[in-house]
Amino acid sequence: MNIDFSIFDNLARSSCSEDGVCARFYDRSIKTDRIDDAGFPVFKNVCFCEIRIKDNNSEVFDQPATEDKKRRFPQEYARYLLGKKQVSEGTPLEQFAFLSSAEIDSLKYRGVFTVEALAQLPQDKASSLGLIREKDLAQKFVSQASTNKKLADWQVEEEKYICQICHLEDELKKLQQQLKTKEPKKS
């Protein structure tokens, strides 16, 4: 995955599109009216927009994202799309045990959503965030994961061979059984 860090800088510099108003786009699972073949309800992901107003914690506007909200909060929507793209290609930060919730939120705010993106973070950016150790651990994680993929591929190949051997052993037993039934009986 090749990451353009200028996107991160732009997102970090433009925290909110409107003064005193913050928006967050996210996916929420919604139950549809459909039922699948097994009789279970069908769910789908819907992009929602949560809007909060400064100094007014009692009112939170949380509803499906409309084109109007996407135009009204373009930086926030861009951050949402960047997160979706990174997570589809990498390991979500939540699965990386070396980060606290606050560090994860701080990284997401800056446009880093995956362990792979953290591993590629420039040293000066990681230093300014106080995440040098975590960046190094992420690099080791990515390096180890690539070796694990080779091992996993080898295991898949080995399982194929084991299945082939079992199949051939079964065939051999069947042929031996057929030979026993066709042998002439000695008197």
Protein backbone atom coordinates (compact mmCIF):
# COMPACT_ATOMS: atom_id res chain seq x y z
CA MET A 1 0.00 0.00 0.00
CA ASN A 2 1.48 3.35 -1.03
CA ILE A 3 0.35 6.23 1.17
CA ASP A 4 0.30 9.91 0.22
CA PHE A 5 1.09 11.78 3.46
CA SER A 6 0.10 15.14 2.01
CA ILE A 7 -3.50 13.97 2.46
CA PHE A 8 -2.79 13.55 6.19
CA ASP A 9 -1.38 17.06 6.45
CA ASN A 10 -4.41 18.57 4.72
CA LEU A 11 -6.79 16.67 7.00
CA ALA A 12 -4.92 17.63 10.15
CA ARG A 13 -4.79 21.34 9.22
CA SER A 14 -8.51 21.51 8.47
CA SER A 15 -10.08 20.16 11.63
CA CYS A 16 -13.67 21.31 11.11
CA SER A 17 -15.37 22.79 8.08
CA GLU A 18 -17.44 25.21 10.18
CA ASP A 19 -16.47 27.09 13.33
CA GLY A 20 -18.11 25.62 16.41
CA VAL A 21 -19.51 22.65 14.49
CA CYS A 22 -17.90 19.24 14.19
CA ALA A 23 -19.09 16.43 11.97
CA ARG A 24 -18.13 12.79 11.83
CA PHE A 25 -19.05 10.34 9.08
CA TYR A 26 -19.22 6.66 9.97
CA ASP A 27 -20.92 3.42 8.95
CA ARG A 28 -23.84 2.06 10.92
CA SER A 29 -25.49 -1.30 10.43
CA ILE A 30 -29.19 -0.93 9.62
CA LYS A 31 -31.75 -3.75 9.55
CA THR A 32 -33.58 -3.84 6.23
CA ASP A 33 -37.09 -5.13 5.52
CA ARG A 34 -35.66 -8.13 3.67
CA ILE A 35 -35.26 -11.67 5.00
CA ASP A 36 -32.56 -14.02 3.66
CA ASP A 37 -33.12 -17.62 2.50
CA ALA A 38 -32.49 -18.95 6.02
CA GLY A 39 -35.19 -16.65 7.46
CA PHE A 40 -32.82 -14.16 9.10
CA PRO A 41 -33.10 -10.38 8.72
CA VAL A 42 -30.74 -8.74 6.24
CA PHE A 43 -28.55 -5.86 7.44
CA LYS A 44 -26.67 -3.27 5.41
CA ASN A 45 -24.09 -0.57 6.16
CA VAL A 46 -25.31 2.99 5.83
CA CYS A 47 -23.09 6.06 5.99
CA PHE A 48 -24.23 8.30 8.86
CA CYS A 49 -23.25 11.85 9.77
CA GLU A 50 -23.02 12.88 13.41
CA ILE A 51 -23.01 16.65 13.97
CA ARG A 52 -22.06 18.26 17.28
CA ILE A 53 -22.24 21.93 18.14
CA LYS A 54 -19.66 23.54 20.43
CA ASP A 55 -20.88 24.18 24.00
CA ASN A 56 -24.11 22.28 23.34
CA ASN A 57 -23.71 18.68 24.48
CA SER A 58 -27.44 18.08 24.71
CA GLU A 59 -28.02 18.26 20.95
CA VAL A 60 -26.37 15.73 18.69
CA PHE A 61 -27.65 15.39 15.16
CA ASP A 62 -27.09 11.84 13.95
CA GLN A 63 -28.74 10.77 10.71
CA PRO A 64 -27.93 9.14 7.38
CA ALA A 65 -25.43 11.20 5.40
CA THR A 66 -26.94 13.16 2.56
CA GLU A 67 -25.17 14.76 -0.40
CA ASP A 68 -25.80 18.11 1.28
CA LYS A 69 -23.89 17.01 4.42
CA LYS A 70 -21.04 15.63 2.30
CA ARG A 71 -20.73 19.03 0.57
CA ARG A 72 -21.13 20.91 3.86
CA PHE A 73 -18.34 18.91 5.58
CA PRO A 74 -15.94 17.95 2.77
CA GLN A 75 -12.82 17.41 4.95
CA GLU A 76 -14.68 15.15 7.36
CA TYR A 77 -16.16 13.17 4.48
CA ALA A 78 -12.70 12.88 2.87
CA ARG A 79 -11.35 11.53 6.19
CA TYR A 80 -14.19 8.97 6.26
CA LEU A 81 -13.44 7.83 2.69
CA LEU A 82 -9.69 7.64 3.40
CA GLY A 83 -10.38 5.48 6.45
CA LYS A 84 -12.59 3.11 4.46
CA LYS A 85 -9.94 2.78 1.74
CA GLN A 86 -7.08 2.12 4.18
CA VAL A 87 -9.02 -0.40 6.27
CA SER A 88 -10.05 -2.33 3.16
CA GLU A 89 -6.35 -2.71 2.30
CA GLY A 90 -4.76 -3.07 5.73
CA THR A 91 -5.03 -3.96 9.41
CA PRO A 92 -7.30 -1.63 11.44
CA LEU A 93 -5.52 0.18 14.29
CA GLU A 94 -7.98 -1.34 16.78
CA GLN A 95 -6.37 -4.74 16.16
CA PHE A 96 -2.92 -3.43 17.11
CA ALA A 97 -2.50 -4.07 20.85
CA PHE A 98 0.22 -1.44 21.35
CA LEU A 99 -2.03 1.62 20.98
CA SER A 100 -4.38 3.19 23.50
CA SER A 101 -7.83 4.39 22.48
CA ALA A 102 -6.60 7.99 22.67
CA GLU A 103 -3.65 7.23 20.37
CA ILE A 104 -5.95 5.47 17.90
CA ASP A 105 -8.35 8.43 17.84
CA SER A 106 -5.43 10.85 17.44
CA LEU A 107 -4.06 8.86 14.51
CA LYS A 108 -7.47 8.57 12.85
CA TYR A 109 -7.94 12.32 13.24
CA ARG A 110 -4.70 12.73 11.30
CA GLY A 111 -5.77 10.28 8.58
CA VAL A 112 -3.94 7.14 9.76
CA PHE A 113 -6.38 4.24 10.05
CA THR A 114 -4.24 1.11 9.68
CA VAL A 115 -1.12 -0.46 11.15
CA GLU A 116 0.44 -0.38 7.68
CA ALA A 117 -0.11 3.40 7.43
CA LEU A 118 1.40 3.84 10.92
CA ALA A 119 4.44 1.83 9.84
CA GLN A 120 4.90 4.14 6.83
CA LEU A 121 4.45 7.34 8.85
CA PRO A 122 7.47 9.62 8.36
CA GLN A 123 9.81 9.64 11.36
CA ASP A 124 9.24 13.36 12.07
CA LYS A 125 5.44 12.89 12.10
CA ALA A 126 5.72 9.89 14.43
CA SER A 127 8.05 11.89 16.67
CA SER A 128 5.68 14.88 16.85
CA LEU A 129 2.85 12.51 17.83
CA GLY A 130 5.02 10.76 20.42
CA LEU A 131 4.58 7.44 18.62
CA ILE A 132 8.16 6.47 17.68
CA ARG A 133 7.99 3.19 19.65
CA GLU A 134 4.56 2.35 18.22
CA LYS A 135 5.74 3.15 14.66
CA ASP A 136 8.70 0.78 15.15
CA LEU A 137 6.38 -1.92 16.50
CA ALA A 138 4.05 -1.39 13.52
CA GLN A 139 7.00 -1.82 11.13
CA LYS A 140 7.93 -5.08 12.87
CA PHE A 141 4.29 -6.19 12.73
CA VAL A 142 4.11 -5.54 8.97
CA SER A 143 7.42 -7.30 8.41
CA GLN A 144 6.30 -10.31 10.46
CA ALA A 145 2.92 -10.39 8.73
CA SER A 146 4.61 -10.74 5.35
CA THR A 147 6.55 -13.79 6.64
CA ASN A 148 3.35 -15.18 8.13
CA LYS A 149 1.70 -14.95 4.71
CA LYS A 150 4.43 -17.12 3.23
CA LEU A 151 3.89 -19.65 6.01
CA ALA A 152 0.12 -19.54 5.54
CA ASP A 153 0.52 -20.09 1.78
CA TRP A 154 2.81 -23.06 2.48
CA GLN A 155 0.23 -24.51 4.91
CA VAL A 156 -2.52 -24.23 2.30
CA GLU A 157 -0.31 -26.05 -0.19
CA GLU A 158 0.51 -28.75 2.39
CA GLU A 159 -3.19 -29.26 3.17
CA LYS A 160 -3.85 -29.82 -0.55
CA TYR A 161 -1.14 -32.50 -0.62
CA ILE A 162 -2.54 -34.16 2.51
CA CYS A 163 -6.00 -34.26 0.91
CA GLN A 164 -4.52 -35.76 -2.25
CA ILE A 165 -2.70 -38.42 -0.21
CA CYS A 166 -5.88 -39.30 1.68
CA HIS A 167 -7.81 -39.54 -1.58
CA LEU A 168 -5.13 -41.78 -3.13
CA GLU A 169 -5.05 -43.99 -0.01
CA ASP A 170 -8.83 -44.42 -0.26
CA GLU A 171 -8.53 -45.31 -3.93
CA LEU A 172 -5.79 -47.83 -3.12
CA LYS A 173 -7.97 -49.47 -0.44
CA LYS A 174 -10.85 -49.73 -2.91
CA LEU A 175 -8.61 -51.31 -5.54
CA GLN A 176 -7.19 -53.76 -2.98
CA GLN A 177 -10.74 -54.68 -1.94
CA GLN A 178 -11.71 -55.27 -5.56
CA LEU A 179 -8.67 -57.49 -6.07
CA LYS A 180 -9.59 -59.57 -3.01
CA THR A 181 -13.10 -60.18 -4.27
CA LYS A 182 -11.87 -61.18 -7.75
CA GLU A 183 -9.15 -63.58 -6.63
CA PRO A 184 -9.99 -67.19 -7.42
CA LYS A 185 -10.71 -69.24 -4.33
CA LYS A 186 -8.26 -71.97 -3.53
CA SER A 187 -9.73 -75.37 -2.92
